[in-house]
Amino acid sequence: MAKKNTETENKGSMDSSSKIEAIKNLIFGENIEQYDSEFETLKKDLDKKKKALESYIDEVREELMQSIDSLSTDVNIRITDLEDSLNAKAEALSEEKVDRKQLGKLLISLGEKISS
């Protein structure tokens, strides 16, 4: 009896699928093959465009990474130049600034030389 129920269910599902096919043929008729081919064409076209866009994105990503690397190098060079300039100016200030004791000794020495 269980076997008969299974066979009946299989026939019912086959009947329903064939009914669906029949309804589909009634609604769409002969145009269904044309629709299928158009959908396939659209799908292929979308795949091509997707691949082209992915390729373009990869190219842009590479260009951006190169630009970022270049910019990073330029910034590092400018920072190094600024550090060198700052160090040079700091040294110049140190050389220009004279200690008062040193200046006093130099003036005394100069005075002694003048008086002798």
PDB file of N, CA and C in Angstrom:
ATOM      1  N   MET A   1       0.812  -1.183   0.000  1.00  0.00           N
ATOM      2  CA  MET A   1       0.000   0.000   0.000  1.00  0.00           C
ATOM      3  C   MET A   1       0.863   1.258   0.000  1.00  0.00           C
ATOM      4  N   ALA A   2       1.958   1.245   0.765  1.00  0.00           N
ATOM      5  CA  ALA A   2       2.860   2.377   0.781  1.00  0.00           C
ATOM      6  C   ALA A   2       3.484   2.570  -0.585  1.00  0.00           C
ATOM      7  N   LYS A   3       3.676   1.440  -1.266  1.00  0.00           N
ATOM      8  CA  LYS A   3       4.262   1.505  -2.602  1.00  0.00           C
ATOM      9  C   LYS A   3       3.322   2.202  -3.578  1.00  0.00           C
ATOM     10  N   LYS A   4       2.027   1.939  -3.438  1.00  0.00           N
ATOM     11  CA  LYS A   4       1.043   2.566  -4.318  1.00  0.00           C
ATOM     12  C   LYS A   4       0.970   4.067  -4.069  1.00  0.00           C
ATOM     13  N   ASN A   5       1.088   4.474  -2.812  1.00  0.00           N
ATOM     14  CA  ASN A   5       1.060   5.910  -2.484  1.00  0.00           C
ATOM     15  C   ASN A   5       2.252   6.635  -3.099  1.00  0.00           C
ATOM     16  N   THR A   6       3.416   5.995  -3.053  1.00  0.00           N
ATOM     17  CA  THR A   6       4.624   6.591  -3.621  1.00  0.00           C
ATOM     18  C   THR A   6       4.481   6.718  -5.123  1.00  0.00           C
ATOM     19  N   GLU A   7       3.944   5.681  -5.762  1.00  0.00           N
ATOM     20  CA  GLU A   7       3.752   5.737  -7.206  1.00  0.00           C
ATOM     21  C   GLU A   7       2.739   6.806  -7.570  1.00  0.00           C
ATOM     22  N   THR A   8       1.708   6.939  -6.760  1.00  0.00           N
ATOM     23  CA  THR A   8       0.686   7.952  -7.015  1.00  0.00           C
ATOM     24  C   THR A   8       1.277   9.347  -6.864  1.00  0.00           C
ATOM     25  N   GLU A   9       2.123   9.532  -5.835  1.00  0.00           N
ATOM     26  CA  GLU A   9       2.758  10.839  -5.622  1.00  0.00           C
ATOM     27  C   GLU A   9       3.688  11.164  -6.789  1.00  0.00           C
ATOM     28  N   ASN A  10       4.436  10.160  -7.279  1.00  0.00           N
ATOM     29  CA  ASN A  10       5.334  10.381  -8.413  1.00  0.00           C
ATOM     30  C   ASN A  10       4.539  10.769  -9.650  1.00  0.00           C
ATOM     31  N   LYS A  11       3.418  10.076  -9.871  1.00  0.00           N
ATOM     32  CA  LYS A  11       2.581  10.408 -11.030  1.00  0.00           C
ATOM     33  C   LYS A  11       1.991  11.795 -10.871  1.00  0.00           C
ATOM     34  N   GLY A  12       1.615  12.129  -9.627  1.00  0.00           N
ATOM     35  CA  GLY A  12       1.052  13.458  -9.352  1.00  0.00           C
ATOM     36  C   GLY A  12       2.061  14.553  -9.607  1.00  0.00           C
ATOM     37  N   SER A  13       3.327  14.328  -9.182  1.00  0.00           N
ATOM     38  CA  SER A  13       4.348  15.347  -9.404  1.00  0.00           C
ATOM     39  C   SER A  13       4.706  15.446 -10.877  1.00  0.00           C
ATOM     40  N   MET A  14       4.698  14.304 -11.567  1.00  0.00           N
ATOM     41  CA  MET A  14       4.973  14.325 -13.003  1.00  0.00           C
ATOM     42  C   MET A  14       3.827  15.011 -13.738  1.00  0.00           C
ATOM     43  N   ASP A  15       2.605  14.728 -13.282  1.00  0.00           N
ATOM     44  CA  ASP A  15       1.462  15.366 -13.907  1.00  0.00           C
ATOM     45  C   ASP A  15       1.488  16.872 -13.680  1.00  0.00           C
ATOM     46  N   SER A  16       1.863  17.284 -12.446  1.00  0.00           N
ATOM     47  CA  SER A  16       1.883  18.721 -12.166  1.00  0.00           C
ATOM     48  C   SER A  16       2.985  19.411 -12.959  1.00  0.00           C
ATOM     49  N   SER A  17       4.140  18.757 -13.102  1.00  0.00           N
ATOM     50  CA  SER A  17       5.209  19.384 -13.885  1.00  0.00           C
ATOM     51  C   SER A  17       4.838  19.451 -15.363  1.00  0.00           C
ATOM     52  N   SER A  18       4.172  18.411 -15.847  1.00  0.00           N
ATOM     53  CA  SER A  18       3.751  18.461 -17.241  1.00  0.00           C
ATOM     54  C   SER A  18       2.633  19.491 -17.430  1.00  0.00           C
ATOM     55  N   LYS A  19       1.813  19.652 -16.399  1.00  0.00           N
ATOM     56  CA  LYS A  19       0.773  20.682 -16.461  1.00  0.00           C
ATOM     57  C   LYS A  19       1.403  22.073 -16.487  1.00  0.00           C
ATOM     58  N   ILE A  20       2.431  22.243 -15.668  1.00  0.00           N
ATOM     59  CA  ILE A  20       3.130  23.538 -15.639  1.00  0.00           C
ATOM     60  C   ILE A  20       3.760  23.819 -16.993  1.00  0.00           C
ATOM     61  N   GLU A  21       4.359  22.795 -17.585  1.00  0.00           N
ATOM     62  CA  GLU A  21       4.949  22.948 -18.923  1.00  0.00           C
ATOM     63  C   GLU A  21       3.880  23.328 -19.932  1.00  0.00           C
ATOM     64  N   ALA A  22       2.734  22.679 -19.838  1.00  0.00           N
ATOM     65  CA  ALA A  22       1.638  22.963 -20.773  1.00  0.00           C
ATOM     66  C   ALA A  22       1.143  24.397 -20.610  1.00  0.00           C
ATOM     67  N   ILE A  23       1.009  24.835 -19.353  1.00  0.00           N
ATOM     68  CA  ILE A  23       0.560  26.217 -19.086  1.00  0.00           C
ATOM     69  C   ILE A  23       1.602  27.203 -19.612  1.00  0.00           C
ATOM     70  N   LYS A  24       2.863  26.884 -19.381  1.00  0.00           N
ATOM     71  CA  LYS A  24       3.938  27.757 -19.855  1.00  0.00           C
ATOM     72  C   LYS A  24       3.894  27.867 -21.377  1.00  0.00           C
ATOM     73  N   ASN A  25       3.675  26.756 -22.042  1.00  0.00           N
ATOM     74  CA  ASN A  25       3.594  26.775 -23.505  1.00  0.00           C
ATOM     75  C   ASN A  25       2.385  27.561 -23.978  1.00  0.00           C
ATOM     76  N   LEU A  26       1.274  27.460 -23.245  1.00  0.00           N
ATOM     77  CA  LEU A  26       0.085  28.225 -23.621  1.00  0.00           C
ATOM     78  C   LEU A  26       0.319  29.727 -23.470  1.00  0.00           C
ATOM     79  N   ILE A  27       0.937  30.099 -22.365  1.00  0.00           N
ATOM     80  CA  ILE A  27       1.154  31.533 -22.105  1.00  0.00           C
ATOM     81  C   ILE A  27       2.183  32.109 -23.067  1.00  0.00           C
ATOM     82  N   PHE A  28       3.330  31.444 -23.142  1.00  0.00           N
ATOM     83  CA  PHE A  28       4.423  32.007 -23.929  1.00  0.00           C
ATOM     84  C   PHE A  28       4.455  31.476 -25.355  1.00  0.00           C
ATOM     85  N   GLY A  29       3.926  30.323 -25.548  1.00  0.00           N
ATOM     86  CA  GLY A  29       3.884  29.749 -26.885  1.00  0.00           C
ATOM     87  C   GLY A  29       5.268  29.501 -27.445  1.00  0.00           C
ATOM     88  N   GLU A  30       5.430  29.798 -28.705  1.00  0.00           N
ATOM     89  CA  GLU A  30       6.696  29.557 -29.398  1.00  0.00           C
ATOM     90  C   GLU A  30       7.762  30.577 -29.018  1.00  0.00           C
ATOM     91  N   ASN A  31       7.369  31.645 -28.393  1.00  0.00           N
ATOM     92  CA  ASN A  31       8.313  32.706 -28.040  1.00  0.00           C
ATOM     93  C   ASN A  31       9.244  32.328 -26.893  1.00  0.00           C
ATOM     94  N   ILE A  32       8.940  31.259 -26.166  1.00  0.00           N
ATOM     95  CA  ILE A  32       9.755  30.905 -25.009  1.00  0.00           C
ATOM     96  C   ILE A  32      11.206  30.639 -25.407  1.00  0.00           C
ATOM     97  N   GLU A  33      11.422  29.998 -26.533  1.00  0.00           N
ATOM     98  CA  GLU A  33      12.792  29.740 -26.985  1.00  0.00           C
ATOM     99  C   GLU A  33      13.496  31.050 -27.326  1.00  0.00           C
ATOM    100  N   GLN A  34      12.769  31.958 -27.906  1.00  0.00           N
ATOM    101  CA  GLN A  34      13.340  33.266 -28.226  1.00  0.00           C
ATOM    102  C   GLN A  34      13.701  34.002 -26.944  1.00  0.00           C
ATOM    103  N   TYR A  35      12.802  33.939 -25.944  1.00  0.00           N
ATOM    104  CA  TYR A  35      13.086  34.577 -24.654  1.00  0.00           C
ATOM    105  C   TYR A  35      14.319  33.957 -24.001  1.00  0.00           C
ATOM    106  N   ASP A  36      14.395  32.633 -24.058  1.00  0.00           N
ATOM    107  CA  ASP A  36      15.556  31.951 -23.473  1.00  0.00           C
ATOM    108  C   ASP A  36      16.846  32.384 -24.152  1.00  0.00           C
ATOM    109  N   SER A  37      16.835  32.459 -25.461  1.00  0.00           N
ATOM    110  CA  SER A  37      18.053  32.860 -26.169  1.00  0.00           C
ATOM    111  C   SER A  37      18.408  34.321 -25.862  1.00  0.00           C
ATOM    112  N   GLU A  38      17.399  35.175 -25.753  1.00  0.00           N
ATOM    113  CA  GLU A  38      17.662  36.576 -25.400  1.00  0.00           C
ATOM    114  C   GLU A  38      18.226  36.681 -23.988  1.00  0.00           C
ATOM    115  N   PHE A  39      17.683  35.878 -23.059  1.00  0.00           N
ATOM    116  CA  PHE A  39      18.217  35.888 -21.696  1.00  0.00           C
ATOM    117  C   PHE A  39      19.655  35.400 -21.664  1.00  0.00           C
ATOM    118  N   GLU A  40      19.966  34.399 -22.445  1.00  0.00           N
ATOM    119  CA  GLU A  40      21.343  33.900 -22.522  1.00  0.00           C
ATOM    120  C   GLU A  40      22.278  34.970 -23.088  1.00  0.00           C
ATOM    121  N   THR A  41      21.807  35.655 -24.123  1.00  0.00           N
ATOM    122  CA  THR A  41      22.599  36.730 -24.718  1.00  0.00           C
ATOM    123  C   THR A  41      22.847  37.833 -23.689  1.00  0.00           C
ATOM    124  N   LEU A  42      21.801  38.200 -22.965  1.00  0.00           N
ATOM    125  CA  LEU A  42      21.945  39.226 -21.931  1.00  0.00           C
ATOM    126  C   LEU A  42      22.893  38.777 -20.829  1.00  0.00           C
ATOM    127  N   LYS A  43      22.787  37.516 -20.452  1.00  0.00           N
ATOM    128  CA  LYS A  43      23.650  36.988 -19.398  1.00  0.00           C
ATOM    129  C   LYS A  43      25.114  37.042 -19.832  1.00  0.00           C
ATOM    130  N   LYS A  44      25.387  36.646 -21.081  1.00  0.00           N
ATOM    131  CA  LYS A  44      26.760  36.682 -21.596  1.00  0.00           C
ATOM    132  C   LYS A  44      27.273  38.115 -21.665  1.00  0.00           C
ATOM    133  N   ASP A  45      26.412  39.024 -22.099  1.00  0.00           N
ATOM    134  CA  ASP A  45      26.792  40.432 -22.184  1.00  0.00           C
ATOM    135  C   ASP A  45      27.103  40.995 -20.799  1.00  0.00           C
ATOM    136  N   LEU A  46      26.275  40.652 -19.827  1.00  0.00           N
ATOM    137  CA  LEU A  46      26.518  41.103 -18.453  1.00  0.00           C
ATOM    138  C   LEU A  46      27.822  40.539 -17.908  1.00  0.00           C
ATOM    139  N   ASP A  47      28.112  39.276 -18.212  1.00  0.00           N
ATOM    140  CA  ASP A  47      29.373  38.672 -17.763  1.00  0.00           C
ATOM    141  C   ASP A  47      30.573  39.388 -18.368  1.00  0.00           C
ATOM    142  N   LYS A  48      30.483  39.714 -19.667  1.00  0.00           N
ATOM    143  CA  LYS A  48      31.579  40.444 -20.325  1.00  0.00           C
ATOM    144  C   LYS A  48      31.789  41.801 -19.672  1.00  0.00           C
ATOM    145  N   LYS A  49      30.683  42.503 -19.441  1.00  0.00           N
ATOM    146  CA  LYS A  49      30.794  43.842 -18.839  1.00  0.00           C
ATOM    147  C   LYS A  49      31.301  43.758 -17.413  1.00  0.00           C
ATOM    148  N   LYS A  50      30.891  42.729 -16.688  1.00  0.00           N
ATOM    149  CA  LYS A  50      31.382  42.542 -15.321  1.00  0.00           C
ATOM    150  C   LYS A  50      32.891  42.328 -15.323  1.00  0.00           C
ATOM    151  N   LYS A  51      33.369  41.482 -16.238  1.00  0.00           N
ATOM    152  CA  LYS A  51      34.809  41.223 -16.332  1.00  0.00           C
ATOM    153  C   LYS A  51      35.564  42.488 -16.718  1.00  0.00           C
ATOM    154  N   ALA A  52      34.993  43.265 -17.638  1.00  0.00           N
ATOM    155  CA  ALA A  52      35.635  44.522 -18.047  1.00  0.00           C
ATOM    156  C   ALA A  52      35.707  45.488 -16.876  1.00  0.00           C
ATOM    157  N   LEU A  53      34.629  45.586 -16.106  1.00  0.00           N
ATOM    158  CA  LEU A  53      34.626  46.485 -14.948  1.00  0.00           C
ATOM    159  C   LEU A  53      35.612  46.015 -13.881  1.00  0.00           C
ATOM    160  N   GLU A  54      35.676  44.714 -13.660  1.00  0.00           N
ATOM    161  CA  GLU A  54      36.637  44.201 -12.686  1.00  0.00           C
ATOM    162  C   GLU A  54      38.061  44.495 -13.133  1.00  0.00           C
ATOM    163  N   SER A  55      38.318  44.368 -14.422  1.00  0.00           N
ATOM    164  CA  SER A  55      39.643  44.684 -14.960  1.00  0.00           C
ATOM    165  C   SER A  55      39.956  46.165 -14.761  1.00  0.00           C
ATOM    166  N   TYR A  56      38.981  47.005 -15.045  1.00  0.00           N
ATOM    167  CA  TYR A  56      39.156  48.452 -14.877  1.00  0.00           C
ATOM    168  C   TYR A  56      39.406  48.793 -13.409  1.00  0.00           C
ATOM    169  N   ILE A  57      38.680  48.152 -12.516  1.00  0.00           N
ATOM    170  CA  ILE A  57      38.870  48.385 -11.083  1.00  0.00           C
ATOM    171  C   ILE A  57      40.275  47.989 -10.670  1.00  0.00           C
ATOM    172  N   ASP A  58      40.766  46.859 -11.175  1.00  0.00           N
ATOM    173  CA  ASP A  58      42.129  46.426 -10.850  1.00  0.00           C
ATOM    174  C   ASP A  58      43.167  47.428 -11.350  1.00  0.00           C
ATOM    175  N   GLU A  59      42.967  47.947 -12.570  1.00  0.00           N
ATOM    176  CA  GLU A  59      43.892  48.938 -13.118  1.00  0.00           C
ATOM    177  C   GLU A  59      43.898  50.208 -12.259  1.00  0.00           C
ATOM    178  N   VAL A  60      42.707  50.658 -11.889  1.00  0.00           N
ATOM    179  CA  VAL A  60      42.601  51.874 -11.071  1.00  0.00           C
ATOM    180  C   VAL A  60      43.248  51.644  -9.711  1.00  0.00           C
ATOM    181  N   ARG A  61      43.044  50.450  -9.147  1.00  0.00           N
ATOM    182  CA  ARG A  61      43.645  50.133  -7.849  1.00  0.00           C
ATOM    183  C   ARG A  61      45.165  50.194  -7.941  1.00  0.00           C
ATOM    184  N   GLU A  62      45.722  49.623  -9.015  1.00  0.00           N
ATOM    185  CA  GLU A  62      47.175  49.651  -9.195  1.00  0.00           C
ATOM    186  C   GLU A  62      47.683  51.088  -9.342  1.00  0.00           C
ATOM    187  N   GLU A  63      46.972  51.897 -10.140  1.00  0.00           N
ATOM    188  CA  GLU A  63      47.375  53.291 -10.319  1.00  0.00           C
ATOM    189  C   GLU A  63      47.310  54.049  -9.001  1.00  0.00           C
ATOM    190  N   LEU A  64      46.277  53.809  -8.223  1.00  0.00           N
ATOM    191  CA  LEU A  64      46.154  54.473  -6.925  1.00  0.00           C
ATOM    192  C   LEU A  64      47.279  54.063  -5.984  1.00  0.00           C
ATOM    193  N   MET A  65      47.607  52.784  -5.983  1.00  0.00           N
ATOM    194  CA  MET A  65      48.687  52.322  -5.109  1.00  0.00           C
ATOM    195  C   MET A  65      50.023  52.947  -5.528  1.00  0.00           C
ATOM    196  N   GLN A  66      50.256  53.069  -6.836  1.00  0.00           N
ATOM    197  CA  GLN A  66      51.485  53.707  -7.309  1.00  0.00           C
ATOM    198  C   GLN A  66      51.500  55.184  -6.928  1.00  0.00           C
ATOM    199  N   SER A  67      50.352  55.839  -7.060  1.00  0.00           N
ATOM    200  CA  SER A  67      50.264  57.255  -6.694  1.00  0.00           C
ATOM    201  C   SER A  67      50.505  57.440  -5.211  1.00  0.00           C
ATOM    202  N   ILE A  68      49.937  56.561  -4.403  1.00  0.00           N
ATOM    203  CA  ILE A  68      50.133  56.643  -2.954  1.00  0.00           C
ATOM    204  C   ILE A  68      51.592  56.421  -2.606  1.00  0.00           C
ATOM    205  N   ASP A  69      52.234  55.439  -3.247  1.00  0.00           N
ATOM    206  CA  ASP A  69      53.658  55.191  -3.004  1.00  0.00           C
ATOM    207  C   ASP A  69      54.489  56.410  -3.387  1.00  0.00           C
ATOM    208  N   SER A  70      54.178  56.989  -4.541  1.00  0.00           N
ATOM    209  CA  SER A  70      54.903  58.168  -5.003  1.00  0.00           C
ATOM    210  C   SER A  70      54.715  59.335  -4.043  1.00  0.00           C
ATOM    211  N   LEU A  71      53.487  59.546  -3.631  1.00  0.00           N
ATOM    212  CA  LEU A  71      53.189  60.621  -2.687  1.00  0.00           C
ATOM    213  C   LEU A  71      53.895  60.394  -1.359  1.00  0.00           C
ATOM    214  N   SER A  72      53.894  59.160  -0.910  1.00  0.00           N
ATOM    215  CA  SER A  72      54.576  58.821   0.339  1.00  0.00           C
ATOM    216  C   SER A  72      56.071  59.116   0.237  1.00  0.00           C
ATOM    217  N   THR A  73      56.667  58.756  -0.898  1.00  0.00           N
ATOM    218  CA  THR A  73      58.091  59.026  -1.111  1.00  0.00           C
ATOM    219  C   THR A  73      58.352  60.528  -1.117  1.00  0.00           C
ATOM    220  N   ASP A  74      57.509  61.292  -1.817  1.00  0.00           N
ATOM    221  CA  ASP A  74      57.672  62.748  -1.856  1.00  0.00           C
ATOM    222  C   ASP A  74      57.554  63.363  -0.467  1.00  0.00           C
ATOM    223  N   VAL A  75      56.576  62.907   0.302  1.00  0.00           N
ATOM    224  CA  VAL A  75      56.383  63.440   1.657  1.00  0.00           C
ATOM    225  C   VAL A  75      57.599  63.116   2.520  1.00  0.00           C
ATOM    226  N   ASN A  76      58.105  61.883   2.412  1.00  0.00           N
ATOM    227  CA  ASN A  76      59.284  61.505   3.197  1.00  0.00           C
ATOM    228  C   ASN A  76      60.497  62.355   2.824  1.00  0.00           C
ATOM    229  N   ILE A  77      60.665  62.628   1.523  1.00  0.00           N
ATOM    230  CA  ILE A  77      61.779  63.467   1.083  1.00  0.00           C
ATOM    231  C   ILE A  77      61.634  64.874   1.645  1.00  0.00           C
ATOM    232  N   ARG A  78      60.432  65.427   1.581  1.00  0.00           N
ATOM    233  CA  ARG A  78      60.216  66.776   2.100  1.00  0.00           C
ATOM    234  C   ARG A  78      60.420  66.835   3.605  1.00  0.00           C
ATOM    235  N   ILE A  79      59.978  65.810   4.308  1.00  0.00           N
ATOM    236  CA  ILE A  79      60.182  65.781   5.763  1.00  0.00           C
ATOM    237  C   ILE A  79      61.670  65.734   6.076  1.00  0.00           C
ATOM    238  N   THR A  80      62.414  64.913   5.329  1.00  0.00           N
ATOM    239  CA  THR A  80      63.862  64.825   5.540  1.00  0.00           C
ATOM    240  C   THR A  80      64.522  66.175   5.262  1.00  0.00           C
ATOM    241  N   ASP A  81      64.111  66.840   4.172  1.00  0.00           N
ATOM    242  CA  ASP A  81      64.653  68.164   3.855  1.00  0.00           C
ATOM    243  C   ASP A  81      64.349  69.163   4.974  1.00  0.00           C
ATOM    244  N   LEU A  82      63.129  69.131   5.485  1.00  0.00           N
ATOM    245  CA  LEU A  82      62.758  70.039   6.575  1.00  0.00           C
ATOM    246  C   LEU A  82      63.559  69.744   7.840  1.00  0.00           C
ATOM    247  N   GLU A  83      63.767  68.471   8.129  1.00  0.00           N
ATOM    248  CA  GLU A  83      64.583  68.108   9.302  1.00  0.00           C
ATOM    249  C   GLU A  83      66.011  68.615   9.143  1.00  0.00           C
ATOM    250  N   ASP A  84      66.569  68.435   7.938  1.00  0.00           N
ATOM    251  CA  ASP A  84      67.940  68.908   7.694  1.00  0.00           C
ATOM    252  C   ASP A  84      68.021  70.421   7.840  1.00  0.00           C
ATOM    253  N   SER A  85      67.036  71.116   7.281  1.00  0.00           N
ATOM    254  CA  SER A  85      67.004  72.571   7.376  1.00  0.00           C
ATOM    255  C   SER A  85      66.883  73.021   8.830  1.00  0.00           C
ATOM    256  N   LEU A  86      66.034  72.366   9.580  1.00  0.00           N
ATOM    257  CA  LEU A  86      65.851  72.711  10.985  1.00  0.00           C
ATOM    258  C   LEU A  86      67.138  72.473  11.771  1.00  0.00           C
ATOM    259  N   ASN A  87      67.791  71.353  11.507  1.00  0.00           N
ATOM    260  CA  ASN A  87      69.062  71.068  12.195  1.00  0.00           C
ATOM    261  C   ASN A  87      70.128  72.098  11.838  1.00  0.00           C
ATOM    262  N   ALA A  88      70.192  72.488  10.564  1.00  0.00           N
ATOM    263  CA  ALA A  88      71.188  73.482  10.137  1.00  0.00           C
ATOM    264  C   ALA A  88      70.925  74.826  10.826  1.00  0.00           C
ATOM    265  N   LYS A  89      69.656  75.225  10.888  1.00  0.00           N
ATOM    266  CA  LYS A  89      69.327  76.496  11.543  1.00  0.00           C
ATOM    267  C   LYS A  89      69.604  76.433  13.045  1.00  0.00           C
ATOM    268  N   ALA A  90      69.352  75.289  13.647  1.00  0.00           N
ATOM    269  CA  ALA A  90      69.636  75.138  15.077  1.00  0.00           C
ATOM    270  C   ALA A  90      71.132  75.238  15.333  1.00  0.00           C
ATOM    271  N   GLU A  91      71.935  74.633  14.463  1.00  0.00           N
ATOM    272  CA  GLU A  91      73.394  74.731  14.602  1.00  0.00           C
ATOM    273  C   GLU A  91      73.861  76.170  14.397  1.00  0.00           C
ATOM    274  N   ALA A  92      73.272  76.852  13.423  1.00  0.00           N
ATOM    275  CA  ALA A  92      73.650  78.247  13.168  1.00  0.00           C
ATOM    276  C   ALA A  92      73.320  79.104  14.376  1.00  0.00           C
ATOM    277  N   LEU A  93      72.187  78.862  14.991  1.00  0.00           N
ATOM    278  CA  LEU A  93      71.837  79.620  16.194  1.00  0.00           C
ATOM    279  C   LEU A  93      72.804  79.325  17.332  1.00  0.00           C
ATOM    280  N   SER A  94      73.197  78.081  17.449  1.00  0.00           N
ATOM    281  CA  SER A  94      74.150  77.721  18.502  1.00  0.00           C
ATOM    282  C   SER A  94      75.490  78.410  18.278  1.00  0.00           C
ATOM    283  N   GLU A  95      75.897  78.505  17.010  1.00  0.00           N
ATOM    284  CA  GLU A  95      77.168  79.153  16.709  1.00  0.00           C
ATOM    285  C   GLU A  95      77.079  80.666  16.923  1.00  0.00           C
ATOM    286  N   GLU A  96      75.923  81.242  16.602  1.00  0.00           N
ATOM    287  CA  GLU A  96      75.768  82.685  16.755  1.00  0.00           C
ATOM    288  C   GLU A  96      75.647  83.078  18.214  1.00  0.00           C
ATOM    289  N   LYS A  97      75.037  82.250  19.008  1.00  0.00           N
ATOM    290  CA  LYS A  97      74.855  82.571  20.419  1.00  0.00           C
ATOM    291  C   LYS A  97      76.197  82.364  21.131  1.00  0.00           C
ATOM    292  N   VAL A  98      76.638  83.419  21.811  1.00  0.00           N
ATOM    293  CA  VAL A  98      77.912  83.352  22.518  1.00  0.00           C
ATOM    294  C   VAL A  98      77.610  83.366  24.008  1.00  0.00           C
ATOM    295  N   ASP A  99      78.312  82.543  24.688  1.00  0.00           N
ATOM    296  CA  ASP A  99      78.162  82.490  26.129  1.00  0.00           C
ATOM    297  C   ASP A  99      78.702  83.783  26.738  1.00  0.00           C
ATOM    298  N   ARG A 100      78.030  84.341  27.757  1.00  0.00           N
ATOM    299  CA  ARG A 100      78.462  85.620  28.363  1.00  0.00           C
ATOM    300  C   ARG A 100      79.858  85.522  28.985  1.00  0.00           C
ATOM    301  N   LYS A 101      80.123  84.405  29.588  1.00  0.00           N
ATOM    302  CA  LYS A 101      81.448  84.237  30.210  1.00  0.00           C
ATOM    303  C   LYS A 101      82.523  84.239  29.133  1.00  0.00           C
ATOM    304  N   GLN A 102      82.254  83.555  28.053  1.00  0.00           N
ATOM    305  CA  GLN A 102      83.212  83.516  26.946  1.00  0.00           C
ATOM    306  C   GLN A 102      83.406  84.915  26.383  1.00  0.00           C
ATOM    307  N   LEU A 103      82.303  85.637  26.208  1.00  0.00           N
ATOM    308  CA  LEU A 103      82.383  86.994  25.673  1.00  0.00           C
ATOM    309  C   LEU A 103      83.193  87.892  26.619  1.00  0.00           C
ATOM    310  N   GLY A 104      82.978  87.716  27.921  1.00  0.00           N
ATOM    311  CA  GLY A 104      83.745  88.500  28.906  1.00  0.00           C
ATOM    312  C   GLY A 104      85.231  88.212  28.805  1.00  0.00           C
ATOM    313  N   LYS A 105      85.580  86.963  28.706  1.00  0.00           N
ATOM    314  CA  LYS A 105      86.988  86.575  28.598  1.00  0.00           C
ATOM    315  C   LYS A 105      87.605  87.123  27.319  1.00  0.00           C
ATOM    316  N   LEU A 106      86.852  87.067  26.230  1.00  0.00           N
ATOM    317  CA  LEU A 106      87.359  87.592  24.967  1.00  0.00           C
ATOM    318  C   LEU A 106      87.583  89.101  25.049  1.00  0.00           C
ATOM    319  N   LEU A 107      86.648  89.803  25.675  1.00  0.00           N
ATOM    320  CA  LEU A 107      86.787  91.261  25.806  1.00  0.00           C
ATOM    321  C   LEU A 107      87.985  91.623  26.700  1.00  0.00           C
ATOM    322  N   ILE A 108      88.191  90.889  27.791  1.00  0.00           N
ATOM    323  CA  ILE A 108      89.337  91.131  28.671  1.00  0.00           C
ATOM    324  C   ILE A 108      90.626  90.887  27.901  1.00  0.00           C
ATOM    325  N   SER A 109      90.630  89.776  27.154  1.00  0.00           N
ATOM    326  CA  SER A 109      91.823  89.453  26.376  1.00  0.00           C
ATOM    327  C   SER A 109      92.086  90.533  25.340  1.00  0.00           C
ATOM    328  N   LEU A 110      91.034  91.022  24.709  1.00  0.00           N
ATOM    329  CA  LEU A 110      91.165  92.081  23.713  1.00  0.00           C
ATOM    330  C   LEU A 110      91.672  93.378  24.391  1.00  0.00           C
ATOM    331  N   GLY A 111      91.104  93.662  25.524  1.00  0.00           N
ATOM    332  CA  GLY A 111      91.547  94.880  26.261  1.00  0.00           C
ATOM    333  C   GLY A 111      93.011  94.791  26.644  1.00  0.00           C
ATOM    334  N   GLU A 112      93.471  93.655  27.093  1.00  0.00           N
ATOM    335  CA  GLU A 112      94.870  93.481  27.472  1.00  0.00           C
ATOM    336  C   GLU A 112      95.803  93.637  26.285  1.00  0.00           C
ATOM    337  N   LYS A 113      95.343  93.113  25.141  1.00  0.00           N
ATOM    338  CA  LYS A 113      96.162  93.230  23.943  1.00  0.00           C
ATOM    339  C   LYS A 113      96.241  94.688  23.500  1.00  0.00           C
ATOM    340  N   ILE A 114      95.122  95.412  23.646  1.00  0.00           N
ATOM    341  CA  ILE A 114      95.120  96.803  23.237  1.00  0.00           C
ATOM    342  C   ILE A 114      96.033  97.630  24.155  1.00  0.00           C
ATOM    343  N   SER A 115      95.987  97.333  25.451  1.00  0.00           N
ATOM    344  CA  SER A 115      96.767  98.133  26.395  1.00  0.00           C
ATOM    345  C   SER A 115      98.263  97.812  26.299  1.00  0.00           C
ATOM    346  N   SER A 116      98.609  96.672  25.813  1.00  0.00           N
ATOM    347  CA  SER A 116     100.036  96.366  25.771  1.00  0.00           C
ATOM    348  C   SER A 116     100.708  96.810  24.526  1.00  0.00           C
TER     349      SER A 116
END
